[in-house]
Amino acid sequence: MLLAAAHPDSGGTDELFVWAWQLRDVVCGGPRLEPKPTPPPRPSPTPPPHGPDRVPFPGDADFGELTDRYQGSNSEALHTSNLPP
């Protein structure tokens, strides 16, 4: 009943509800305020292989220049591929 009366949706305040919730945990033997164990770090994904199918990307180049340059090479590659129309 205390938690229901202290809930903000029934006219209580956030602070009163949090206090009542923590009081219930202490009195009833609920969860303690201990930190959760940290999960082990995930392994980093393997980088993709560097091969001739990758387009070299100069990091200091302008985006517009790169777009213009590679748009032509991509268009040629699509026209010369063996994919059905």
C-alpha atoms as a PDB file:
ATOM      1  CA  MET A   1       0.000   0.000   0.000  1.00  0.00           C
ATOM      2  CA  LEU A   2       2.842   2.411   0.775  1.00  0.00           C
ATOM      3  CA  LEU A   3       4.355   1.989  -2.686  1.00  0.00           C
ATOM      4  CA  ALA A   4       0.972   2.503  -4.339  1.00  0.00           C
ATOM      5  CA  ALA A   5       0.308   5.659  -2.319  1.00  0.00           C
ATOM      6  CA  ALA A   6       3.809   7.028  -2.889  1.00  0.00           C
ATOM      7  CA  HIS A   7       3.740   6.438  -6.642  1.00  0.00           C
ATOM      8  CA  PRO A   8       3.793   9.685  -8.666  1.00  0.00           C
ATOM      9  CA  ASP A   9       0.744   8.570 -10.689  1.00  0.00           C
ATOM     10  CA  SER A  10      -1.310   8.467  -7.464  1.00  0.00           C
ATOM     11  CA  GLY A  11      -0.196  11.849  -6.215  1.00  0.00           C
ATOM     12  CA  GLY A  12       3.111  10.943  -4.555  1.00  0.00           C
ATOM     13  CA  THR A  13       6.484  12.393  -5.402  1.00  0.00           C
ATOM     14  CA  ASP A  14       9.391  10.776  -7.195  1.00  0.00           C
ATOM     15  CA  GLU A  15      11.616  11.111  -4.131  1.00  0.00           C
ATOM     16  CA  LEU A  16       9.042   9.539  -1.796  1.00  0.00           C
ATOM     17  CA  PHE A  17       8.487   6.630  -4.191  1.00  0.00           C
ATOM     18  CA  VAL A  18      12.215   5.924  -4.540  1.00  0.00           C
ATOM     19  CA  TRP A  19      12.678   6.128  -0.773  1.00  0.00           C
ATOM     20  CA  ALA A  20       9.739   3.763  -0.125  1.00  0.00           C
ATOM     21  CA  TRP A  21      11.029   1.327  -2.768  1.00  0.00           C
ATOM     22  CA  GLN A  22      14.486   1.236  -1.167  1.00  0.00           C
ATOM     23  CA  LEU A  23      12.943   0.872   2.308  1.00  0.00           C
ATOM     24  CA  ARG A  24      10.966  -2.132   1.076  1.00  0.00           C
ATOM     25  CA  ASP A  25      14.139  -3.693  -0.336  1.00  0.00           C
ATOM     26  CA  VAL A  26      15.993  -3.275   2.953  1.00  0.00           C
ATOM     27  CA  VAL A  27      13.135  -4.476   5.185  1.00  0.00           C
ATOM     28  CA  CYS A  28      12.032  -7.367   2.975  1.00  0.00           C
ATOM     29  CA  GLY A  29      15.521  -8.525   2.062  1.00  0.00           C
ATOM     30  CA  GLY A  30      15.170  -7.411  -1.540  1.00  0.00           C
ATOM     31  CA  PRO A  31      17.982  -6.648  -3.907  1.00  0.00           C
ATOM     32  CA  ARG A  32      20.970  -4.832  -2.465  1.00  0.00           C
ATOM     33  CA  LEU A  33      22.535  -1.799  -4.054  1.00  0.00           C
ATOM     34  CA  GLU A  34      25.581  -3.778  -5.177  1.00  0.00           C
ATOM     35  CA  PRO A  35      27.005  -3.107  -8.621  1.00  0.00           C
ATOM     36  CA  LYS A  36      26.276  -5.665 -11.297  1.00  0.00           C
ATOM     37  CA  PRO A  37      29.258  -7.644 -12.551  1.00  0.00           C
ATOM     38  CA  THR A  38      30.777  -6.219 -15.687  1.00  0.00           C
ATOM     39  CA  PRO A  39      30.382  -8.535 -18.672  1.00  0.00           C
ATOM     40  CA  PRO A  40      33.568  -9.533 -20.471  1.00  0.00           C
ATOM     41  CA  PRO A  41      34.390  -7.352 -23.460  1.00  0.00           C
ATOM     42  CA  ARG A  42      33.192  -8.553 -26.826  1.00  0.00           C
ATOM     43  CA  PRO A  43      35.875  -9.601 -29.271  1.00  0.00           C
ATOM     44  CA  SER A  44      36.476  -7.038 -31.966  1.00  0.00           C
ATOM     45  CA  PRO A  45      35.290  -8.057 -35.424  1.00  0.00           C
ATOM     46  CA  THR A  46      37.896  -9.150 -37.904  1.00  0.00           C
ATOM     47  CA  PRO A  47      38.626  -6.445 -40.426  1.00  0.00           C
ATOM     48  CA  PRO A  48      37.585  -7.112 -44.006  1.00  0.00           C
ATOM     49  CA  PRO A  49      40.331  -8.374 -46.308  1.00  0.00           C
ATOM     50  CA  HIS A  50      42.156  -5.816 -48.405  1.00  0.00           C
ATOM     51  CA  GLY A  51      42.048  -6.880 -51.986  1.00  0.00           C
ATOM     52  CA  PRO A  52      41.568  -5.627 -55.526  1.00  0.00           C
ATOM     53  CA  ASP A  53      37.782  -5.402 -55.063  1.00  0.00           C
ATOM     54  CA  ARG A  54      38.234  -2.530 -52.595  1.00  0.00           C
ATOM     55  CA  VAL A  55      38.437   1.073 -53.701  1.00  0.00           C
ATOM     56  CA  PRO A  56      41.382   2.961 -52.178  1.00  0.00           C
ATOM     57  CA  PHE A  57      40.155   5.884 -50.110  1.00  0.00           C
ATOM     58  CA  PRO A  58      42.442   8.833 -49.482  1.00  0.00           C
ATOM     59  CA  GLY A  59      41.399  10.266 -46.134  1.00  0.00           C
ATOM     60  CA  ASP A  60      42.212  13.878 -47.002  1.00  0.00           C
ATOM     61  CA  ALA A  61      40.269  13.982 -50.294  1.00  0.00           C
ATOM     62  CA  ASP A  62      37.147  16.043 -50.875  1.00  0.00           C
ATOM     63  CA  PHE A  63      33.854  14.108 -50.849  1.00  0.00           C
ATOM     64  CA  GLY A  64      32.596  15.748 -54.056  1.00  0.00           C
ATOM     65  CA  GLU A  65      35.815  14.953 -55.929  1.00  0.00           C
ATOM     66  CA  LEU A  66      35.735  11.326 -54.810  1.00  0.00           C
ATOM     67  CA  THR A  67      32.085  10.989 -55.788  1.00  0.00           C
ATOM     68  CA  ASP A  68      32.779  12.321 -59.283  1.00  0.00           C
ATOM     69  CA  ARG A  69      35.838  10.117 -59.705  1.00  0.00           C
ATOM     70  CA  TYR A  70      34.268   6.849 -58.581  1.00  0.00           C
ATOM     71  CA  GLN A  71      30.884   7.386 -60.183  1.00  0.00           C
ATOM     72  CA  GLY A  72      32.404   6.754 -63.605  1.00  0.00           C
ATOM     73  CA  SER A  73      34.329   3.656 -62.541  1.00  0.00           C
ATOM     74  CA  ASN A  74      31.241   2.175 -60.867  1.00  0.00           C
ATOM     75  CA  SER A  75      29.148   2.841 -63.951  1.00  0.00           C
ATOM     76  CA  GLU A  76      31.712   1.058 -66.136  1.00  0.00           C
ATOM     77  CA  ALA A  77      31.852  -1.903 -63.752  1.00  0.00           C
ATOM     78  CA  LEU A  78      28.064  -2.290 -63.835  1.00  0.00           C
ATOM     79  CA  HIS A  79      27.983  -2.280 -67.636  1.00  0.00           C
ATOM     80  CA  THR A  80      30.778  -4.848 -67.945  1.00  0.00           C
ATOM     81  CA  SER A  81      29.475  -7.236 -65.260  1.00  0.00           C
ATOM     82  CA  ASN A  82      27.777 -10.527 -66.059  1.00  0.00           C
ATOM     83  CA  LEU A  83      24.643  -9.671 -64.086  1.00  0.00           C
ATOM     84  CA  PRO A  84      21.308 -10.036 -65.890  1.00  0.00           C
ATOM     85  CA  PRO A  85      19.640  -6.711 -66.801  1.00  0.00           C
END
